[in-house]
């Protein structure tokens, strides 16, 4: 990976300003290291600057931390871990060192040391709510739901109005199918933080599953915060679809498509809505757009075949059903559809 020339200059300035006093001659040398063209591998030069600075300041924990961030951005996880351990060994009083080390471990698929790092940090920094929130999220990601809930409870004992802790509780209860507790937690979250878009989105989805029209209110609150949040617009469209309000559903699917012209799910759901309205050609058109946006969208091909068959285009339907089975040979509906179309074609 090559970093931009601008980022490289920032690295050089950081090292030269913060960690060693440069003479005018050395500053000129640094500038001369940067060619006018951007063909230089700035990543390698930045690495050498960190290395040289550490040779002169081997006990500078901040330098190790900054080089660890550099390695982390390049997915050099082993090097990042080594540097962060050195930084913490020199001075363990910087919480961000521990947080970054946990992130590196997690991205490196080393979940146990990631959790242990955060748990050790929570012990060393008992007043850090951010550490507990991060720990709760990691526990949730690793499906340790009971532990995640306990961590949220610790946060709420310190700060009874912490919106993010209630949000994490809601996520845990949702996964555990404790819908009522999830709703209560998400509602408490938005009471404490009226701009928590993710909690509004979760509430909309939970009420949509119950076919409760109040879902629309929560989606609208989310869109009040981010009017062009395409995922929320799509979810609101899907809610209208589930409630049988097909024209409104199509209107909102199309709003999502205006924002993201490659939104295959929006094309697909629009096609389904048109089929339900007996607008076969419009359904076909949107299934066609579905597979153009996502060439491996199996159900897009299946329903384009279905629409083709309804329009009397039997050979086109046969081709789509065959395409479906090339992706999913065991797909029962595809097998049956191909058998039926072959009978119609006399094959």
C-alpha atoms as a PDB file:
ATOM      1  CA  UNK A   1       0.000   0.000   0.000  1.00  0.00           C
ATOM      2  CA  UNK A   2       1.262   3.479  -0.822  1.00  0.00           C
ATOM      3  CA  UNK A   3       0.246   6.450   1.260  1.00  0.00           C
ATOM      4  CA  UNK A   4      -0.337   9.815  -0.346  1.00  0.00           C
ATOM      5  CA  UNK A   5       2.378  12.409  -0.513  1.00  0.00           C
ATOM      6  CA  UNK A   6       0.334  14.675   1.762  1.00  0.00           C
ATOM      7  CA  UNK A   7       0.128  11.993   4.436  1.00  0.00           C
ATOM      8  CA  UNK A   8       3.845  11.393   4.106  1.00  0.00           C
ATOM      9  CA  UNK A   9       4.605  15.047   4.691  1.00  0.00           C
ATOM     10  CA  UNK A  10       2.467  14.977   7.834  1.00  0.00           C
ATOM     11  CA  UNK A  11       4.455  12.014   9.106  1.00  0.00           C
ATOM     12  CA  UNK A  12       7.721  13.781   8.481  1.00  0.00           C
ATOM     13  CA  UNK A  13       6.531  16.946  10.183  1.00  0.00           C
ATOM     14  CA  UNK A  14       5.242  14.973  13.158  1.00  0.00           C
ATOM     15  CA  UNK A  15       8.530  13.182  13.643  1.00  0.00           C
ATOM     16  CA  UNK A  16      10.697  16.219  13.107  1.00  0.00           C
ATOM     17  CA  UNK A  17       8.636  18.554  15.327  1.00  0.00           C
ATOM     18  CA  UNK A  18       7.723  16.262  18.212  1.00  0.00           C
ATOM     19  CA  UNK A  19      10.630  13.924  18.706  1.00  0.00           C
ATOM     20  CA  UNK A  20      13.912  15.476  17.761  1.00  0.00           C
ATOM     21  CA  UNK A  21      15.164  18.950  17.045  1.00  0.00           C
ATOM     22  CA  UNK A  22      16.034  19.349  13.424  1.00  0.00           C
ATOM     23  CA  UNK A  23      18.609  21.819  12.174  1.00  0.00           C
ATOM     24  CA  UNK A  24      17.926  23.761   9.025  1.00  0.00           C
ATOM     25  CA  UNK A  25      20.303  21.424   7.211  1.00  0.00           C
ATOM     26  CA  UNK A  26      18.416  18.286   8.292  1.00  0.00           C
ATOM     27  CA  UNK A  27      15.112  19.915   7.357  1.00  0.00           C
ATOM     28  CA  UNK A  28      16.483  20.550   3.901  1.00  0.00           C
ATOM     29  CA  UNK A  29      17.572  16.935   3.701  1.00  0.00           C
ATOM     30  CA  UNK A  30      14.087  15.755   4.573  1.00  0.00           C
ATOM     31  CA  UNK A  31      12.597  17.965   1.897  1.00  0.00           C
ATOM     32  CA  UNK A  32      15.078  16.662  -0.612  1.00  0.00           C
ATOM     33  CA  UNK A  33      13.929  13.135   0.164  1.00  0.00           C
ATOM     34  CA  UNK A  34      10.524  13.979  -1.316  1.00  0.00           C
ATOM     35  CA  UNK A  35      10.596  14.154  -5.104  1.00  0.00           C
ATOM     36  CA  UNK A  36       8.341  16.475  -7.025  1.00  0.00           C
ATOM     37  CA  UNK A  37       6.560  13.501  -8.579  1.00  0.00           C
ATOM     38  CA  UNK A  38       4.295  11.270  -6.469  1.00  0.00           C
ATOM     39  CA  UNK A  39       5.909   8.077  -7.811  1.00  0.00           C
ATOM     40  CA  UNK A  40       7.942   7.744  -4.607  1.00  0.00           C
ATOM     41  CA  UNK A  41       6.936   4.881  -2.348  1.00  0.00           C
ATOM     42  CA  UNK A  42       6.106   7.235   0.502  1.00  0.00           C
ATOM     43  CA  UNK A  43       5.137   4.304   2.703  1.00  0.00           C
ATOM     44  CA  UNK A  44       8.688   2.987   2.728  1.00  0.00           C
ATOM     45  CA  UNK A  45      10.153   6.424   3.349  1.00  0.00           C
ATOM     46  CA  UNK A  46       7.737   7.008   6.227  1.00  0.00           C
ATOM     47  CA  UNK A  47       8.758   3.671   7.720  1.00  0.00           C
ATOM     48  CA  UNK A  48      12.427   4.608   7.535  1.00  0.00           C
ATOM     49  CA  UNK A  49      11.717   7.946   9.246  1.00  0.00           C
ATOM     50  CA  UNK A  50      10.021   6.128  12.142  1.00  0.00           C
ATOM     51  CA  UNK A  51      12.901   3.662  12.358  1.00  0.00           C
ATOM     52  CA  UNK A  52      15.523   6.394  12.389  1.00  0.00           C
ATOM     53  CA  UNK A  53      13.624   8.391  15.003  1.00  0.00           C
ATOM     54  CA  UNK A  54      13.380   5.344  17.255  1.00  0.00           C
ATOM     55  CA  UNK A  55      17.101   4.684  16.960  1.00  0.00           C
ATOM     56  CA  UNK A  56      17.657   8.137  18.398  1.00  0.00           C
ATOM     57  CA  UNK A  57      14.811   7.852  20.930  1.00  0.00           C
ATOM     58  CA  UNK A  58      14.470   4.141  21.826  1.00  0.00           C
ATOM     59  CA  UNK A  59      12.449   4.894  24.974  1.00  0.00           C
ATOM     60  CA  UNK A  60       9.920   7.181  23.301  1.00  0.00           C
ATOM     61  CA  UNK A  61       6.614   5.366  23.819  1.00  0.00           C
ATOM     62  CA  UNK A  62       4.675   7.805  21.640  1.00  0.00           C
ATOM     63  CA  UNK A  63       6.920   6.984  18.687  1.00  0.00           C
ATOM     64  CA  UNK A  64       6.226   3.272  19.125  1.00  0.00           C
ATOM     65  CA  UNK A  65       2.517   4.040  19.275  1.00  0.00           C
ATOM     66  CA  UNK A  66       2.630   6.123  16.095  1.00  0.00           C
ATOM     67  CA  UNK A  67       4.626   3.468  14.252  1.00  0.00           C
ATOM     68  CA  UNK A  68       2.120   0.869  15.453  1.00  0.00           C
ATOM     69  CA  UNK A  69      -0.679   2.932  13.915  1.00  0.00           C
ATOM     70  CA  UNK A  70       1.334   3.056  10.699  1.00  0.00           C
ATOM     71  CA  UNK A  71       1.753  -0.747  10.693  1.00  0.00           C
ATOM     72  CA  UNK A  72      -1.912  -1.250  11.598  1.00  0.00           C
ATOM     73  CA  UNK A  73      -3.057   0.806   8.608  1.00  0.00           C
ATOM     74  CA  UNK A  74      -0.914  -1.447   6.402  1.00  0.00           C
ATOM     75  CA  UNK A  75      -2.273  -4.600   8.106  1.00  0.00           C
ATOM     76  CA  UNK A  76       1.139  -5.318   9.545  1.00  0.00           C
ATOM     77  CA  UNK A  77      -0.434  -6.766  12.659  1.00  0.00           C
ATOM     78  CA  UNK A  78       2.591  -8.535  14.144  1.00  0.00           C
ATOM     79  CA  UNK A  79       4.705  -5.387  13.894  1.00  0.00           C
ATOM     80  CA  UNK A  80       1.895  -3.255  15.317  1.00  0.00           C
ATOM     81  CA  UNK A  81       1.461  -5.621  18.270  1.00  0.00           C
ATOM     82  CA  UNK A  82       5.186  -5.601  19.005  1.00  0.00           C
ATOM     83  CA  UNK A  83       5.350  -1.808  18.935  1.00  0.00           C
ATOM     84  CA  UNK A  84       2.281  -1.391  21.126  1.00  0.00           C
ATOM     85  CA  UNK A  85       3.652  -3.839  23.670  1.00  0.00           C
ATOM     86  CA  UNK A  86       6.875  -1.804  23.775  1.00  0.00           C
ATOM     87  CA  UNK A  87       4.944   1.432  24.158  1.00  0.00           C
ATOM     88  CA  UNK A  88       2.911  -0.002  27.031  1.00  0.00           C
ATOM     89  CA  UNK A  89       6.019  -1.487  28.636  1.00  0.00           C
ATOM     90  CA  UNK A  90       7.646   1.943  28.643  1.00  0.00           C
ATOM     91  CA  UNK A  91       4.530   3.780  29.847  1.00  0.00           C
ATOM     92  CA  UNK A  92       1.234   1.978  30.411  1.00  0.00           C
ATOM     93  CA  UNK A  93      -0.672   5.093  31.494  1.00  0.00           C
ATOM     94  CA  UNK A  94      -1.986   5.929  28.014  1.00  0.00           C
ATOM     95  CA  UNK A  95      -5.392   4.342  27.498  1.00  0.00           C
ATOM     96  CA  UNK A  96      -5.328   4.746  23.730  1.00  0.00           C
ATOM     97  CA  UNK A  97      -2.353   2.369  23.554  1.00  0.00           C
ATOM     98  CA  UNK A  98      -4.433  -0.393  25.137  1.00  0.00           C
ATOM     99  CA  UNK A  99      -7.435   0.312  22.922  1.00  0.00           C
ATOM    100  CA  UNK A 100      -5.395   0.176  19.748  1.00  0.00           C
ATOM    101  CA  UNK A 101      -3.736  -3.062  20.854  1.00  0.00           C
ATOM    102  CA  UNK A 102      -7.187  -4.598  21.384  1.00  0.00           C
ATOM    103  CA  UNK A 103      -8.269  -3.437  17.905  1.00  0.00           C
ATOM    104  CA  UNK A 104      -5.167  -4.942  16.313  1.00  0.00           C
ATOM    105  CA  UNK A 105      -5.723  -8.275  18.049  1.00  0.00           C
ATOM    106  CA  UNK A 106      -9.382  -8.330  17.016  1.00  0.00           C
ATOM    107  CA  UNK A 107      -8.652  -7.533  13.365  1.00  0.00           C
ATOM    108  CA  UNK A 108      -5.934 -10.194  13.480  1.00  0.00           C
ATOM    109  CA  UNK A 109      -8.551 -12.767  14.560  1.00  0.00           C
ATOM    110  CA  UNK A 110      -6.964 -13.081  17.995  1.00  0.00           C
ATOM    111  CA  UNK A 111     -10.117 -12.638  20.049  1.00  0.00           C
ATOM    112  CA  UNK A 112      -8.831 -13.948  23.370  1.00  0.00           C
ATOM    113  CA  UNK A 113      -5.917 -11.504  23.714  1.00  0.00           C
ATOM    114  CA  UNK A 114      -8.216  -8.741  22.419  1.00  0.00           C
ATOM    115  CA  UNK A 115     -10.656  -9.383  25.272  1.00  0.00           C
ATOM    116  CA  UNK A 116      -7.874  -9.811  27.813  1.00  0.00           C
ATOM    117  CA  UNK A 117      -6.313  -6.514  26.743  1.00  0.00           C
ATOM    118  CA  UNK A 118      -9.583  -4.656  27.281  1.00  0.00           C
ATOM    119  CA  UNK A 119     -10.315  -6.415  30.558  1.00  0.00           C
ATOM    120  CA  UNK A 120      -6.849  -5.526  31.839  1.00  0.00           C
ATOM    121  CA  UNK A 121      -7.409  -1.942  30.709  1.00  0.00           C
ATOM    122  CA  UNK A 122     -10.772  -1.836  32.501  1.00  0.00           C
ATOM    123  CA  UNK A 123      -8.974  -2.901  35.680  1.00  0.00           C
ATOM    124  CA  UNK A 124      -6.172  -0.375  35.240  1.00  0.00           C
ATOM    125  CA  UNK A 125      -8.570   2.440  34.249  1.00  0.00           C
ATOM    126  CA  UNK A 126     -11.687   1.721  36.337  1.00  0.00           C
ATOM    127  CA  UNK A 127     -13.290   5.090  35.550  1.00  0.00           C
ATOM    128  CA  UNK A 128     -13.057   4.681  31.776  1.00  0.00           C
ATOM    129  CA  UNK A 129     -16.570   4.176  30.445  1.00  0.00           C
ATOM    130  CA  UNK A 130     -15.214   4.125  26.890  1.00  0.00           C
ATOM    131  CA  UNK A 131     -13.136   1.069  27.750  1.00  0.00           C
ATOM    132  CA  UNK A 132     -16.170  -0.728  29.167  1.00  0.00           C
ATOM    133  CA  UNK A 133     -18.237   0.195  26.104  1.00  0.00           C
ATOM    134  CA  UNK A 134     -15.539  -1.165  23.832  1.00  0.00           C
ATOM    135  CA  UNK A 135     -15.338  -4.322  25.923  1.00  0.00           C
ATOM    136  CA  UNK A 136     -19.112  -4.775  25.762  1.00  0.00           C
ATOM    137  CA  UNK A 137     -19.026  -4.435  21.982  1.00  0.00           C
ATOM    138  CA  UNK A 138     -16.199  -6.951  21.627  1.00  0.00           C
ATOM    139  CA  UNK A 139     -18.064  -9.402  23.878  1.00  0.00           C
ATOM    140  CA  UNK A 140     -21.168  -8.906  21.721  1.00  0.00           C
ATOM    141  CA  UNK A 141     -19.230  -9.487  18.498  1.00  0.00           C
ATOM    142  CA  UNK A 142     -17.821 -12.700  19.982  1.00  0.00           C
ATOM    143  CA  UNK A 143     -21.338 -13.815  21.031  1.00  0.00           C
ATOM    144  CA  UNK A 144     -20.577 -13.591  24.731  1.00  0.00           C
ATOM    145  CA  UNK A 145     -23.964 -12.006  25.332  1.00  0.00           C
ATOM    146  CA  UNK A 146     -24.195 -12.612  29.066  1.00  0.00           C
ATOM    147  CA  UNK A 147     -20.786 -11.026  29.580  1.00  0.00           C
ATOM    148  CA  UNK A 148     -21.671  -8.101  27.345  1.00  0.00           C
ATOM    149  CA  UNK A 149     -24.841  -7.452  29.351  1.00  0.00           C
ATOM    150  CA  UNK A 150     -22.879  -7.596  32.616  1.00  0.00           C
ATOM    151  CA  UNK A 151     -20.412  -5.064  31.235  1.00  0.00           C
ATOM    152  CA  UNK A 152     -23.291  -2.755  30.266  1.00  0.00           C
ATOM    153  CA  UNK A 153     -24.644  -3.054  33.798  1.00  0.00           C
ATOM    154  CA  UNK A 154     -21.243  -1.932  35.131  1.00  0.00           C
ATOM    155  CA  UNK A 155     -21.425   1.132  32.907  1.00  0.00           C
ATOM    156  CA  UNK A 156     -24.942   1.999  34.039  1.00  0.00           C
ATOM    157  CA  UNK A 157     -23.913   1.752  37.681  1.00  0.00           C
ATOM    158  CA  UNK A 158     -21.366   4.464  36.893  1.00  0.00           C
ATOM    159  CA  UNK A 159     -23.589   6.478  34.544  1.00  0.00           C
ATOM    160  CA  UNK A 160     -27.287   5.630  34.689  1.00  0.00           C
ATOM    161  CA  UNK A 161     -28.079   7.697  31.591  1.00  0.00           C
ATOM    162  CA  UNK A 162     -25.406   6.367  29.266  1.00  0.00           C
ATOM    163  CA  UNK A 163     -27.218   6.038  25.935  1.00  0.00           C
ATOM    164  CA  UNK A 164     -24.570   3.826  24.341  1.00  0.00           C
ATOM    165  CA  UNK A 165     -24.828   1.276  27.156  1.00  0.00           C
ATOM    166  CA  UNK A 166     -28.591   1.055  26.644  1.00  0.00           C
ATOM    167  CA  UNK A 167     -27.993   0.640  22.914  1.00  0.00           C
ATOM    168  CA  UNK A 168     -25.605  -2.243  23.552  1.00  0.00           C
ATOM    169  CA  UNK A 169     -28.146  -3.812  25.928  1.00  0.00           C
ATOM    170  CA  UNK A 170     -30.745  -3.568  23.187  1.00  0.00           C
ATOM    171  CA  UNK A 171     -28.474  -5.313  20.691  1.00  0.00           C
ATOM    172  CA  UNK A 172     -27.862  -8.139  23.132  1.00  0.00           C
ATOM    173  CA  UNK A 173     -31.534  -8.583  23.976  1.00  0.00           C
ATOM    174  CA  UNK A 174     -32.455  -8.476  20.290  1.00  0.00           C
ATOM    175  CA  UNK A 175     -30.061 -11.308  19.446  1.00  0.00           C
ATOM    176  CA  UNK A 176     -31.408 -13.300  22.386  1.00  0.00           C
ATOM    177  CA  UNK A 177     -34.965 -12.845  21.027  1.00  0.00           C
ATOM    178  CA  UNK A 178     -35.969 -10.881  24.120  1.00  0.00           C
ATOM    179  CA  UNK A 179     -37.868  -8.393  21.993  1.00  0.00           C
ATOM    180  CA  UNK A 180     -39.669  -6.505  24.747  1.00  0.00           C
ATOM    181  CA  UNK A 181     -36.429  -5.886  26.672  1.00  0.00           C
ATOM    182  CA  UNK A 182     -34.678  -4.901  23.449  1.00  0.00           C
ATOM    183  CA  UNK A 183     -37.371  -2.340  22.653  1.00  0.00           C
ATOM    184  CA  UNK A 184     -37.233  -0.933  26.177  1.00  0.00           C
ATOM    185  CA  UNK A 185     -33.451  -0.602  25.975  1.00  0.00           C
ATOM    186  CA  UNK A 186     -33.472   1.111  22.579  1.00  0.00           C
ATOM    187  CA  UNK A 187     -36.245   3.464  23.709  1.00  0.00           C
ATOM    188  CA  UNK A 188     -34.248   4.404  26.804  1.00  0.00           C
ATOM    189  CA  UNK A 189     -31.252   4.980  24.531  1.00  0.00           C
ATOM    190  CA  UNK A 190     -33.102   7.554  22.398  1.00  0.00           C
ATOM    191  CA  UNK A 191     -34.604   9.179  25.484  1.00  0.00           C
ATOM    192  CA  UNK A 192     -31.064   9.901  26.616  1.00  0.00           C
ATOM    193  CA  UNK A 193     -29.715  10.626  23.149  1.00  0.00           C
ATOM    194  CA  UNK A 194     -32.445  11.904  20.764  1.00  0.00           C
ATOM    195  CA  UNK A 195     -29.999  11.762  17.835  1.00  0.00           C
ATOM    196  CA  UNK A 196     -29.005   8.104  18.166  1.00  0.00           C
ATOM    197  CA  UNK A 197     -29.788   7.026  14.607  1.00  0.00           C
ATOM    198  CA  UNK A 198     -28.851   3.373  15.104  1.00  0.00           C
ATOM    199  CA  UNK A 199     -31.297   2.969  17.991  1.00  0.00           C
ATOM    200  CA  UNK A 200     -34.127   4.509  15.941  1.00  0.00           C
ATOM    201  CA  UNK A 201     -33.276   2.129  13.109  1.00  0.00           C
ATOM    202  CA  UNK A 202     -33.347  -0.878  15.436  1.00  0.00           C
ATOM    203  CA  UNK A 203     -36.699   0.228  16.875  1.00  0.00           C
ATOM    204  CA  UNK A 204     -38.130   0.613  13.388  1.00  0.00           C
ATOM    205  CA  UNK A 205     -37.017  -2.896  12.478  1.00  0.00           C
ATOM    206  CA  UNK A 206     -38.377  -4.457  15.662  1.00  0.00           C
ATOM    207  CA  UNK A 207     -41.788  -2.821  15.271  1.00  0.00           C
ATOM    208  CA  UNK A 208     -41.811  -3.690  11.569  1.00  0.00           C
ATOM    209  CA  UNK A 209     -41.388  -7.356  12.499  1.00  0.00           C
ATOM    210  CA  UNK A 210     -44.557  -6.971  14.566  1.00  0.00           C
ATOM    211  CA  UNK A 211     -46.291  -5.240  11.624  1.00  0.00           C
ATOM    212  CA  UNK A 212     -46.795  -2.276  13.919  1.00  0.00           C
ATOM    213  CA  UNK A 213     -47.263   1.028  12.019  1.00  0.00           C
ATOM    214  CA  UNK A 214     -45.295   2.883  14.718  1.00  0.00           C
ATOM    215  CA  UNK A 215     -42.193   1.588  12.913  1.00  0.00           C
ATOM    216  CA  UNK A 216     -42.647   4.431  10.410  1.00  0.00           C
ATOM    217  CA  UNK A 217     -42.172   7.003  13.182  1.00  0.00           C
ATOM    218  CA  UNK A 218     -38.840   5.526  14.193  1.00  0.00           C
ATOM    219  CA  UNK A 219     -37.589   5.364  10.609  1.00  0.00           C
ATOM    220  CA  UNK A 220     -38.617   9.002  10.187  1.00  0.00           C
ATOM    221  CA  UNK A 221     -36.661   9.962  13.300  1.00  0.00           C
ATOM    222  CA  UNK A 222     -33.588   8.248  11.868  1.00  0.00           C
ATOM    223  CA  UNK A 223     -34.064  10.082   8.561  1.00  0.00           C
ATOM    224  CA  UNK A 224     -34.462  13.361  10.420  1.00  0.00           C
ATOM    225  CA  UNK A 225     -30.859  12.876  11.516  1.00  0.00           C
ATOM    226  CA  UNK A 226     -29.513  11.554   8.206  1.00  0.00           C
ATOM    227  CA  UNK A 227     -32.042  12.195   5.389  1.00  0.00           C
ATOM    228  CA  UNK A 228     -30.004  10.289   2.786  1.00  0.00           C
ATOM    229  CA  UNK A 229     -29.257   7.206   4.886  1.00  0.00           C
ATOM    230  CA  UNK A 230     -30.032   4.671   2.184  1.00  0.00           C
ATOM    231  CA  UNK A 231     -30.340   1.696   4.536  1.00  0.00           C
ATOM    232  CA  UNK A 232     -33.048   3.441   6.547  1.00  0.00           C
ATOM    233  CA  UNK A 233     -34.924   4.506   3.404  1.00  0.00           C
ATOM    234  CA  UNK A 234     -34.840   0.905   2.181  1.00  0.00           C
ATOM    235  CA  UNK A 235     -36.059  -0.373   5.560  1.00  0.00           C
ATOM    236  CA  UNK A 236     -38.922   2.130   5.530  1.00  0.00           C
ATOM    237  CA  UNK A 237     -39.835   1.005   2.004  1.00  0.00           C
ATOM    238  CA  UNK A 238     -39.746  -2.604   3.152  1.00  0.00           C
ATOM    239  CA  UNK A 239     -42.043  -1.685   6.060  1.00  0.00           C
ATOM    240  CA  UNK A 240     -44.585  -0.227   3.637  1.00  0.00           C
ATOM    241  CA  UNK A 241     -44.218  -3.402   1.564  1.00  0.00           C
ATOM    242  CA  UNK A 242     -44.885  -5.590   4.592  1.00  0.00           C
ATOM    243  CA  UNK A 243     -47.934  -3.486   5.451  1.00  0.00           C
ATOM    244  CA  UNK A 244     -49.336  -3.933   1.932  1.00  0.00           C
ATOM    245  CA  UNK A 245     -48.814  -0.266   0.979  1.00  0.00           C
ATOM    246  CA  UNK A 246     -47.233  -1.158  -2.340  1.00  0.00           C
ATOM    247  CA  UNK A 247     -47.275   2.244  -4.033  1.00  0.00           C
ATOM    248  CA  UNK A 248     -45.538   3.830  -1.050  1.00  0.00           C
ATOM    249  CA  UNK A 249     -43.087   0.935  -0.960  1.00  0.00           C
ATOM    250  CA  UNK A 250     -42.155   1.448  -4.612  1.00  0.00           C
ATOM    251  CA  UNK A 251     -41.816   5.205  -4.054  1.00  0.00           C
ATOM    252  CA  UNK A 252     -39.299   4.661  -1.250  1.00  0.00           C
ATOM    253  CA  UNK A 253     -37.399   1.866  -2.998  1.00  0.00           C
ATOM    254  CA  UNK A 254     -36.878   4.336  -5.829  1.00  0.00           C
ATOM    255  CA  UNK A 255     -35.644   6.978  -3.383  1.00  0.00           C
ATOM    256  CA  UNK A 256     -33.004   4.478  -2.275  1.00  0.00           C
ATOM    257  CA  UNK A 257     -32.070   3.803  -5.895  1.00  0.00           C
ATOM    258  CA  UNK A 258     -31.631   7.523  -6.593  1.00  0.00           C
ATOM    259  CA  UNK A 259     -29.015   7.600  -3.829  1.00  0.00           C
ATOM    260  CA  UNK A 260     -27.393   4.283  -4.790  1.00  0.00           C
ATOM    261  CA  UNK A 261     -27.933   3.312  -8.426  1.00  0.00           C
ATOM    262  CA  UNK A 262     -26.368  -0.127  -7.801  1.00  0.00           C
ATOM    263  CA  UNK A 263     -28.693  -1.058  -4.919  1.00  0.00           C
ATOM    264  CA  UNK A 264     -29.670  -4.517  -6.161  1.00  0.00           C
ATOM    265  CA  UNK A 265     -32.001  -5.299  -3.241  1.00  0.00           C
ATOM    266  CA  UNK A 266     -34.002  -2.145  -3.944  1.00  0.00           C
ATOM    267  CA  UNK A 267     -34.435  -3.099  -7.613  1.00  0.00           C
ATOM    268  CA  UNK A 268     -35.398  -6.628  -6.593  1.00  0.00           C
ATOM    269  CA  UNK A 269     -37.976  -5.572  -4.013  1.00  0.00           C
ATOM    270  CA  UNK A 270     -39.427  -3.060  -6.472  1.00  0.00           C
ATOM    271  CA  UNK A 271     -39.821  -5.902  -8.934  1.00  0.00           C
ATOM    272  CA  UNK A 272     -41.629  -8.011  -6.335  1.00  0.00           C
ATOM    273  CA  UNK A 273     -43.965  -5.115  -5.516  1.00  0.00           C
ATOM    274  CA  UNK A 274     -44.809  -4.682  -9.193  1.00  0.00           C
ATOM    275  CA  UNK A 275     -45.574  -8.392  -9.504  1.00  0.00           C
ATOM    276  CA  UNK A 276     -47.943  -8.071  -6.555  1.00  0.00           C
ATOM    277  CA  UNK A 277     -49.619  -5.192  -8.414  1.00  0.00           C
ATOM    278  CA  UNK A 278     -49.858  -7.370 -11.562  1.00  0.00           C
ATOM    279  CA  UNK A 279     -47.482  -5.064 -13.435  1.00  0.00           C
ATOM    280  CA  UNK A 280     -45.515  -7.905 -14.978  1.00  0.00           C
ATOM    281  CA  UNK A 281     -43.484  -5.869 -17.467  1.00  0.00           C
ATOM    282  CA  UNK A 282     -42.407  -3.379 -14.779  1.00  0.00           C
ATOM    283  CA  UNK A 283     -41.525  -6.327 -12.582  1.00  0.00           C
ATOM    284  CA  UNK A 284     -39.422  -7.820 -15.385  1.00  0.00           C
ATOM    285  CA  UNK A 285     -37.670  -4.491 -15.949  1.00  0.00           C
ATOM    286  CA  UNK A 286     -36.634  -4.246 -12.299  1.00  0.00           C
ATOM    287  CA  UNK A 287     -35.456  -7.847 -12.066  1.00  0.00           C
ATOM    288  CA  UNK A 288     -33.393  -7.110 -15.162  1.00  0.00           C
ATOM    289  CA  UNK A 289     -31.891  -4.108 -13.368  1.00  0.00           C
ATOM    290  CA  UNK A 290     -31.288  -6.317 -10.322  1.00  0.00           C
ATOM    291  CA  UNK A 291     -29.030  -8.757 -12.157  1.00  0.00           C
ATOM    292  CA  UNK A 292     -27.265  -5.962 -13.999  1.00  0.00           C
ATOM    293  CA  UNK A 293     -26.425  -4.375 -10.655  1.00  0.00           C
ATOM    294  CA  UNK A 294     -25.472  -7.748  -9.139  1.00  0.00           C
ATOM    295  CA  UNK A 295     -24.686 -10.454 -11.745  1.00  0.00           C
ATOM    296  CA  UNK A 296     -24.827 -13.267  -9.145  1.00  0.00           C
ATOM    297  CA  UNK A 297     -28.233 -12.319  -7.692  1.00  0.00           C
ATOM    298  CA  UNK A 298     -29.914 -15.730  -7.947  1.00  0.00           C
ATOM    299  CA  UNK A 299     -33.464 -14.674  -7.087  1.00  0.00           C
ATOM    300  CA  UNK A 300     -33.186 -11.792  -9.540  1.00  0.00           C
ATOM    301  CA  UNK A 301     -32.668 -14.307 -12.348  1.00  0.00           C
ATOM    302  CA  UNK A 302     -35.407 -16.547 -10.969  1.00  0.00           C
ATOM    303  CA  UNK A 303     -38.035 -13.822 -10.953  1.00  0.00           C
ATOM    304  CA  UNK A 304     -36.872 -12.383 -14.257  1.00  0.00           C
ATOM    305  CA  UNK A 305     -37.500 -15.871 -15.602  1.00  0.00           C
ATOM    306  CA  UNK A 306     -40.881 -15.952 -13.857  1.00  0.00           C
ATOM    307  CA  UNK A 307     -41.839 -12.593 -15.409  1.00  0.00           C
ATOM    308  CA  UNK A 308     -40.579 -13.698 -18.831  1.00  0.00           C
ATOM    309  CA  UNK A 309     -42.698 -16.829 -18.588  1.00  0.00           C
ATOM    310  CA  UNK A 310     -45.769 -14.761 -17.642  1.00  0.00           C
ATOM    311  CA  UNK A 311     -45.091 -12.515 -20.657  1.00  0.00           C
ATOM    312  CA  UNK A 312     -44.876 -15.555 -22.949  1.00  0.00           C
ATOM    313  CA  UNK A 313     -41.124 -15.328 -23.491  1.00  0.00           C
ATOM    314  CA  UNK A 314     -40.491 -18.993 -22.793  1.00  0.00           C
ATOM    315  CA  UNK A 315     -36.958 -19.282 -24.159  1.00  0.00           C
ATOM    316  CA  UNK A 316     -35.831 -16.283 -22.125  1.00  0.00           C
ATOM    317  CA  UNK A 317     -37.451 -17.815 -19.059  1.00  0.00           C
ATOM    318  CA  UNK A 318     -35.672 -21.118 -19.715  1.00  0.00           C
ATOM    319  CA  UNK A 319     -32.341 -19.327 -19.991  1.00  0.00           C
ATOM    320  CA  UNK A 320     -32.871 -17.586 -16.645  1.00  0.00           C
ATOM    321  CA  UNK A 321     -33.923 -20.766 -14.859  1.00  0.00           C
ATOM    322  CA  UNK A 322     -30.811 -22.484 -16.208  1.00  0.00           C
ATOM    323  CA  UNK A 323     -28.734 -19.573 -14.944  1.00  0.00           C
ATOM    324  CA  UNK A 324     -30.311 -19.985 -11.514  1.00  0.00           C
ATOM    325  CA  UNK A 325     -29.379 -23.672 -11.409  1.00  0.00           C
ATOM    326  CA  UNK A 326     -25.834 -22.937 -12.540  1.00  0.00           C
ATOM    327  CA  UNK A 327     -25.478 -20.957  -9.304  1.00  0.00           C
ATOM    328  CA  UNK A 328     -27.626 -23.224  -7.086  1.00  0.00           C
ATOM    329  CA  UNK A 329     -28.060 -26.715  -8.576  1.00  0.00           C
ATOM    330  CA  UNK A 330     -30.150 -27.924  -5.614  1.00  0.00           C
ATOM    331  CA  UNK A 331     -32.606 -25.008  -5.636  1.00  0.00           C
ATOM    332  CA  UNK A 332     -35.959 -26.817  -5.708  1.00  0.00           C
ATOM    333  CA  UNK A 333     -38.035 -23.979  -7.105  1.00  0.00           C
ATOM    334  CA  UNK A 334     -35.519 -23.500  -9.899  1.00  0.00           C
ATOM    335  CA  UNK A 335     -35.579 -27.205 -10.777  1.00  0.00           C
ATOM    336  CA  UNK A 336     -39.382 -27.265 -10.858  1.00  0.00           C
ATOM    337  CA  UNK A 337     -39.568 -24.052 -12.908  1.00  0.00           C
ATOM    338  CA  UNK A 338     -37.135 -25.431 -15.506  1.00  0.00           C
ATOM    339  CA  UNK A 339     -39.042 -28.718 -15.739  1.00  0.00           C
ATOM    340  CA  UNK A 340     -42.307 -26.838 -16.279  1.00  0.00           C
ATOM    341  CA  UNK A 341     -40.857 -24.533 -18.926  1.00  0.00           C
ATOM    342  CA  UNK A 342     -39.358 -27.517 -20.768  1.00  0.00           C
ATOM    343  CA  UNK A 343     -42.817 -29.131 -20.847  1.00  0.00           C
ATOM    344  CA  UNK A 344     -44.281 -25.949 -22.308  1.00  0.00           C
ATOM    345  CA  UNK A 345     -41.537 -25.930 -24.921  1.00  0.00           C
ATOM    346  CA  UNK A 346     -42.156 -29.624 -25.652  1.00  0.00           C
ATOM    347  CA  UNK A 347     -38.747 -30.722 -24.490  1.00  0.00           C
END
